[in-house]
Amino acid sequence: MNRIGTYLVGILLAIVIAASTLFVVDQRQFAVVYALGEIKEVISEPGLKFKLPAPLQNVIFLDRRVQTLDSPESRPIFTAEKKSLVIDWLVKWRVTEPRQFIRNNGVDIRNAENRLSPIVQAALNEEVTKRTVGAVLSTEREKVMQGVIRRLADDAKSFGIEIVDVRIKRVDFSANITESVYRRMESERKRVANELRSTGGAEGEKIRADADRQREIIVAEAYRDAQKIKGEGDAKASALYAEAFGRDPQFAQFYRSLEAYRATFRSKSDVMVIDQSGDFFKTMRGGSASGSTAAPRK
């Protein structure tokens, strides 16, 4: 029994020793092998690996995937025209030299990010202060990000990392000038609107004046044509009257007397004080009237 127990203990001890000498390297990690506190080996190939049992050798793992560093706080940056901007950014980076990374930052990635943030902010400040607001917002935004990447290249090597990309997420004015910018934009829009209204009013007056002028011209021409036609009609009528009255003077006198009576006695309330023996009533008197009316019946 004692011999069996010894065998079991030996087997368990062998398993423990073998387990302490075997480790698996994931393809998303670097494996760093320490020997008595010194970096002995860096393994980047995935698979099953061997080492000496602890405490002779220990293994730590570093993430080799791309990491994202967001701006920890938004600080105002002054442009070339002394305008204050608040810029939010992010940096994509990854570990490329595990030995250099551990020497400078230890094994905790947060230590590297805490040291990298002020360096990124300083590089961004240098790029923004050389440009205007319009350039930062639109025309040279890509140049700003590429300039930050170039400035970070040397520091990234000393950290044992690689800067994959730098992006500007948001650009805004500081809170103390945002309201003034909005007021200036509002006044500018009002000015443009007033100009458009004034231009429209002037065009409307011009159109109305032209329409009134054309109306006056059309009315005047129509009145002229009407008077011309009326004059021609009156002339023809006068010629016809003269021709007809020349054929029978007595009928003409009788017709004119009737026209005179029609014009004089137009209303029942009209009152005239006149001598009935005068020439005006000659046609109404019996003897003359019969002689006068005989002619038109022929």
Protein backbone atom coordinates (compact mmCIF):
# COMPACT_ATOMS: atom_id res chain seq x y z
CA MET A 1 0.00 0.00 0.00
CA ASN A 2 2.83 2.34 0.82
CA ARG A 3 4.36 1.64 -2.58
CA ILE A 4 1.06 2.47 -4.37
CA GLY A 5 0.74 5.70 -2.42
CA THR A 6 4.26 6.64 -3.38
CA TYR A 7 3.49 6.01 -7.03
CA LEU A 8 0.34 8.15 -6.85
CA VAL A 9 2.19 10.99 -5.19
CA GLY A 10 4.90 10.76 -7.82
CA ILE A 11 2.37 10.83 -10.63
CA LEU A 12 0.57 13.84 -9.15
CA LEU A 13 3.87 15.62 -8.67
CA ALA A 14 4.83 14.90 -12.30
CA ILE A 15 1.48 16.24 -13.49
CA VAL A 16 1.91 19.44 -11.45
CA ILE A 17 5.44 19.95 -12.78
CA ALA A 18 4.33 19.30 -16.37
CA ALA A 19 1.40 21.71 -15.99
CA SER A 20 3.75 24.39 -14.72
CA THR A 21 6.01 23.98 -17.75
CA LEU A 22 3.29 24.06 -20.43
CA PHE A 23 1.31 27.13 -21.55
CA VAL A 24 -0.78 28.13 -24.55
CA VAL A 25 -0.13 31.29 -26.56
CA ASP A 26 -3.25 32.78 -28.16
CA GLN A 27 -2.93 34.40 -31.58
CA ARG A 28 -4.27 37.65 -30.06
CA GLN A 29 -1.48 37.82 -27.46
CA PHE A 30 2.25 38.12 -26.91
CA ALA A 31 3.74 35.73 -24.35
CA VAL A 32 6.65 37.18 -22.35
CA VAL A 33 8.76 34.64 -20.45
CA TYR A 34 10.54 35.92 -17.32
CA ALA A 35 13.54 34.21 -15.78
CA LEU A 36 14.23 35.48 -12.25
CA GLY A 37 12.66 38.87 -13.04
CA GLU A 38 14.40 39.32 -16.40
CA ILE A 39 12.74 39.04 -19.80
CA LYS A 40 14.03 35.82 -21.24
CA GLU A 41 11.91 35.40 -24.34
CA VAL A 42 9.01 36.99 -26.24
CA ILE A 43 6.77 34.52 -28.06
CA SER A 44 4.48 35.81 -30.80
CA GLU A 45 3.63 32.53 -32.54
CA PRO A 46 0.43 30.89 -31.23
CA GLY A 47 0.42 27.30 -29.94
CA LEU A 48 1.55 25.11 -27.04
CA LYS A 49 4.84 26.27 -25.51
CA PHE A 50 7.28 25.07 -22.83
CA LYS A 51 9.13 26.82 -20.03
CA LEU A 52 10.87 26.00 -16.78
CA PRO A 53 8.62 25.56 -13.80
CA ALA A 54 8.02 28.45 -11.44
CA PRO A 55 9.72 30.21 -9.82
CA LEU A 56 12.53 29.67 -12.31
CA GLN A 57 10.42 31.06 -15.17
CA ASN A 58 7.08 32.89 -15.28
CA VAL A 59 4.85 33.96 -18.19
CA ILE A 60 2.78 37.11 -18.68
CA PHE A 61 0.57 37.93 -21.67
CA LEU A 62 0.15 41.21 -23.57
CA ASP A 63 -2.81 41.97 -25.85
CA ARG A 64 -1.55 42.49 -29.40
CA ARG A 65 -4.89 43.70 -30.81
CA VAL A 66 -5.58 47.31 -31.79
CA GLN A 67 -6.50 49.40 -28.75
CA THR A 68 -8.66 52.55 -28.66
CA LEU A 69 -7.72 55.58 -26.60
CA ASP A 70 -10.42 58.27 -26.27
CA SER A 71 -9.68 61.82 -25.17
CA PRO A 72 -10.04 61.78 -21.37
CA GLU A 73 -11.22 65.40 -21.19
CA SER A 74 -12.10 68.21 -23.57
CA ARG A 75 -9.75 71.15 -23.28
CA PRO A 76 -10.10 74.36 -25.31
CA ILE A 77 -7.52 74.87 -28.06
CA PHE A 78 -6.86 78.27 -29.65
CA THR A 79 -6.68 78.51 -33.43
CA ALA A 80 -4.49 80.86 -35.50
CA GLU A 81 -7.24 83.50 -35.30
CA LYS A 82 -7.46 83.17 -31.49
CA LYS A 83 -10.77 81.31 -31.52
CA SER A 84 -11.27 78.70 -28.81
CA LEU A 85 -12.26 75.20 -29.97
CA VAL A 86 -13.11 72.05 -28.01
CA ILE A 87 -11.94 68.93 -29.84
CA ASP A 88 -12.70 65.30 -28.97
CA TRP A 89 -10.32 62.74 -30.48
CA LEU A 90 -9.46 59.06 -30.45
CA VAL A 91 -6.26 57.15 -31.15
CA LYS A 92 -5.95 53.60 -32.46
CA TRP A 93 -2.72 51.89 -31.33
CA ARG A 94 -1.21 48.46 -30.67
CA VAL A 95 1.83 46.88 -29.05
CA THR A 96 4.61 46.04 -31.52
CA GLU A 97 7.69 45.73 -29.24
CA PRO A 98 6.73 43.90 -26.04
CA ARG A 99 10.18 44.29 -24.44
CA GLN A 100 10.23 48.05 -24.97
CA PHE A 101 6.61 48.33 -23.86
CA ILE A 102 7.21 46.51 -20.58
CA ARG A 103 10.38 48.49 -19.81
CA ASN A 104 8.55 51.82 -20.21
CA ASN A 105 5.01 51.03 -19.06
CA GLY A 106 4.99 47.73 -17.23
CA VAL A 107 2.46 45.09 -18.10
CA ASP A 108 -0.64 47.24 -17.59
CA ILE A 109 -1.97 48.86 -20.78
CA ARG A 110 -3.62 51.64 -18.76
CA ASN A 111 -0.19 52.94 -17.78
CA ALA A 112 0.65 53.42 -21.47
CA GLU A 113 -2.65 55.17 -22.15
CA ASN A 114 -2.16 57.54 -19.20
CA ARG A 115 1.26 58.55 -20.58
CA LEU A 116 0.06 58.72 -24.20
CA SER A 117 -2.96 61.01 -23.63
CA PRO A 118 -1.05 64.24 -22.83
CA ILE A 119 1.34 63.59 -25.72
CA VAL A 120 -1.58 63.29 -28.16
CA GLN A 121 -3.18 66.43 -26.73
CA ALA A 122 0.06 68.40 -27.12
CA ALA A 123 0.51 67.24 -30.72
CA LEU A 124 -3.09 68.19 -31.52
CA ASN A 125 -2.58 71.64 -29.96
CA GLU A 126 0.46 72.27 -32.17
CA GLU A 127 -1.43 71.31 -35.31
CA VAL A 128 -4.59 73.30 -34.52
CA THR A 129 -2.84 76.52 -33.47
CA LYS A 130 -1.36 76.83 -36.97
CA ARG A 131 -4.76 76.78 -38.69
CA THR A 132 -8.00 78.75 -38.81
CA VAL A 133 -11.39 77.52 -37.66
CA GLY A 134 -12.54 76.89 -41.22
CA ALA A 135 -9.44 74.83 -41.97
CA VAL A 136 -9.87 72.69 -38.85
CA LEU A 137 -13.56 72.11 -39.55
CA SER A 138 -13.37 71.25 -43.23
CA THR A 139 -10.52 71.97 -45.63
CA GLU A 140 -7.53 70.74 -43.59
CA ARG A 141 -9.11 68.37 -41.11
CA GLU A 142 -7.34 65.35 -42.62
CA LYS A 143 -4.02 67.21 -42.56
CA VAL A 144 -4.45 67.88 -38.85
CA MET A 145 -4.90 64.17 -38.12
CA GLN A 146 -1.95 63.16 -40.32
CA GLY A 147 0.21 65.79 -38.63
CA VAL A 148 -0.64 64.36 -35.20
CA ILE A 149 0.30 60.86 -36.39
CA ARG A 150 3.70 62.12 -37.60
CA ARG A 151 4.39 63.90 -34.31
CA LEU A 152 3.51 60.78 -32.32
CA ALA A 153 5.73 58.45 -34.37
CA ASP A 154 8.94 58.92 -32.32
CA ASP A 155 7.20 58.76 -28.93
CA ALA A 156 5.32 55.65 -30.04
CA LYS A 157 8.61 53.86 -30.79
CA SER A 158 9.94 54.65 -27.33
CA PHE A 159 6.73 53.20 -25.89
CA GLY A 160 7.06 50.04 -27.97
CA ILE A 161 3.75 50.71 -29.75
CA GLU A 162 2.51 51.71 -33.20
CA ILE A 163 0.00 54.51 -33.87
CA VAL A 164 -2.50 53.04 -36.32
CA ASP A 165 -4.79 56.03 -36.73
CA VAL A 166 -5.86 59.34 -35.17
CA ARG A 167 -9.39 60.66 -35.63
CA ILE A 168 -11.16 63.87 -34.65
CA LYS A 169 -14.64 62.95 -33.40
CA ARG A 170 -16.08 66.37 -32.64
CA VAL A 171 -15.11 70.01 -33.07
CA ASP A 172 -17.13 72.65 -31.26
CA PHE A 173 -16.78 76.16 -29.95
CA SER A 174 -16.25 76.80 -26.28
CA ALA A 175 -19.37 77.40 -24.23
CA ASN A 176 -18.49 81.05 -23.59
CA ILE A 177 -18.51 81.94 -27.30
CA THR A 178 -21.15 79.56 -28.61
CA GLU A 179 -23.97 81.95 -27.75
CA SER A 180 -22.24 84.88 -29.45
CA VAL A 181 -21.69 82.74 -32.55
CA TYR A 182 -25.39 81.83 -32.62
CA ARG A 183 -26.37 85.50 -32.26
CA ARG A 184 -24.03 86.48 -35.08
CA MET A 185 -25.44 83.73 -37.29
CA GLU A 186 -28.98 84.86 -36.47
CA SER A 187 -28.23 88.51 -37.29
CA GLU A 188 -26.57 87.45 -40.55
CA ARG A 189 -29.62 85.39 -41.55
CA LYS A 190 -31.91 88.31 -40.69
CA ARG A 191 -29.77 90.64 -42.80
CA VAL A 192 -29.95 88.28 -45.77
CA ALA A 193 -33.72 87.90 -45.30
CA ASN A 194 -34.21 91.69 -45.19
CA GLU A 195 -32.14 92.07 -48.35
CA LEU A 196 -34.24 89.47 -50.10
CA ARG A 197 -37.46 91.12 -48.93
CA SER A 198 -36.22 94.54 -50.10
CA THR A 199 -35.20 93.14 -53.46
CA GLY A 200 -38.55 91.40 -53.81
CA GLY A 201 -40.44 94.56 -52.85
CA ALA A 202 -38.50 96.60 -55.42
CA GLU A 203 -39.15 94.01 -58.12
CA GLY A 204 -42.84 93.95 -57.16
CA GLU A 205 -43.11 97.74 -57.43
CA LYS A 206 -41.34 97.64 -60.77
CA ILE A 207 -43.73 94.99 -62.08
CA ARG A 208 -46.80 96.87 -60.80
CA ALA A 209 -45.58 100.14 -62.32
CA ASP A 210 -44.97 98.46 -65.66
CA ALA A 211 -48.42 96.83 -65.53
CA ASP A 212 -50.08 100.19 -64.74
CA ARG A 213 -48.19 101.84 -67.60
CA GLN A 214 -49.24 99.13 -70.03
CA ARG A 215 -52.85 99.42 -68.80
CA GLU A 216 -52.84 103.19 -69.39
CA ILE A 217 -51.40 102.68 -72.85
CA ILE A 218 -53.98 100.03 -73.73
CA VAL A 219 -56.88 102.17 -72.40
CA ALA A 220 -55.64 105.24 -74.26
CA GLU A 221 -55.22 103.33 -77.50
CA ALA A 222 -58.67 101.77 -77.09
CA TYR A 223 -60.23 105.20 -76.40
CA ARG A 224 -58.44 106.63 -79.43
CA ASP A 225 -59.68 103.82 -81.66
CA ALA A 226 -63.20 104.14 -80.21
CA GLN A 227 -63.29 107.88 -80.82
CA LYS A 228 -61.99 107.33 -84.34
CA ILE A 229 -64.64 104.73 -85.05
CA LYS A 230 -67.31 106.92 -83.43
CA GLY A 231 -66.21 109.92 -85.50
CA GLU A 232 -66.32 107.87 -88.67
CA GLY A 233 -69.81 106.61 -87.71
CA ASP A 234 -71.03 110.13 -86.93
CA ALA A 235 -69.67 111.35 -90.24
CA LYS A 236 -71.45 108.58 -92.12
CA ALA A 237 -74.64 109.22 -90.15
CA SER A 238 -74.45 112.95 -90.84
CA ALA A 239 -73.95 112.23 -94.53
CA LEU A 240 -76.94 109.91 -94.56
CA TYR A 241 -79.06 112.47 -92.66
CA ALA A 242 -78.02 115.25 -95.03
CA GLU A 243 -78.81 113.12 -98.06
CA ALA A 244 -82.21 112.05 -96.64
CA PHE A 245 -83.14 115.53 -95.42
CA GLY A 246 -82.13 117.06 -98.77
CA ARG A 247 -84.69 114.94 -100.52
CA ASP A 248 -87.61 116.17 -98.30
CA PRO A 249 -86.97 119.39 -96.29
CA GLN A 250 -90.44 119.39 -94.69
CA PHE A 251 -89.93 115.86 -93.32
CA ALA A 252 -86.54 116.89 -92.04
CA GLN A 253 -88.06 119.83 -90.18
CA PHE A 254 -90.77 117.58 -88.76
CA TYR A 255 -88.21 114.95 -87.61
CA ARG A 256 -86.08 117.57 -85.93
CA SER A 257 -89.12 118.97 -84.14
CA LEU A 258 -89.93 115.49 -82.80
CA GLU A 259 -86.34 115.06 -81.60
CA ALA A 260 -86.55 118.43 -79.89
CA TYR A 261 -89.82 117.45 -78.16
CA ARG A 262 -88.33 114.11 -77.07
CA ALA A 263 -85.32 115.83 -75.56
CA THR A 264 -87.41 118.56 -73.90
CA PHE A 265 -90.23 116.49 -72.40
CA ARG A 266 -87.98 113.66 -71.07
CA SER A 267 -89.49 113.66 -67.55
CA LYS A 268 -93.09 114.00 -66.44
CA SER A 269 -92.09 116.54 -63.83
CA ASP A 270 -90.59 118.94 -66.37
CA VAL A 271 -92.35 122.32 -66.48
CA MET A 272 -91.93 124.91 -69.29
CA VAL A 273 -93.41 128.39 -69.44
CA ILE A 274 -93.48 129.40 -73.11
CA ASP A 275 -95.84 131.00 -75.60
CA GLN A 276 -97.68 128.22 -77.43
CA SER A 277 -98.00 130.35 -80.52
CA GLY A 278 -94.26 130.34 -80.96
CA ASP A 279 -92.41 128.35 -83.57
CA PHE A 280 -91.45 125.65 -81.03
CA PHE A 281 -95.06 124.32 -80.94
CA LYS A 282 -95.70 124.83 -84.61
CA THR A 283 -95.62 121.10 -85.30
CA MET A 284 -98.12 120.38 -82.50
CA ARG A 285 -100.73 122.76 -83.90
CA GLY A 286 -103.32 120.96 -85.96
CA GLY A 287 -103.18 122.76 -89.30
CA SER A 288 -99.42 122.77 -89.69
CA ALA A 289 -99.01 119.31 -88.24
CA SER A 290 -101.25 117.68 -90.83
CA GLY A 291 -99.39 119.34 -93.64
CA SER A 292 -96.13 118.39 -92.17
CA THR A 293 -97.06 114.78 -91.57
CA ALA A 294 -98.44 114.20 -95.05
CA ALA A 295 -95.06 114.11 -96.65
CA PRO A 296 -93.56 111.14 -94.85
CA ARG A 297 -96.59 108.96 -95.57
CA LYS A 298 -95.90 109.10 -99.36
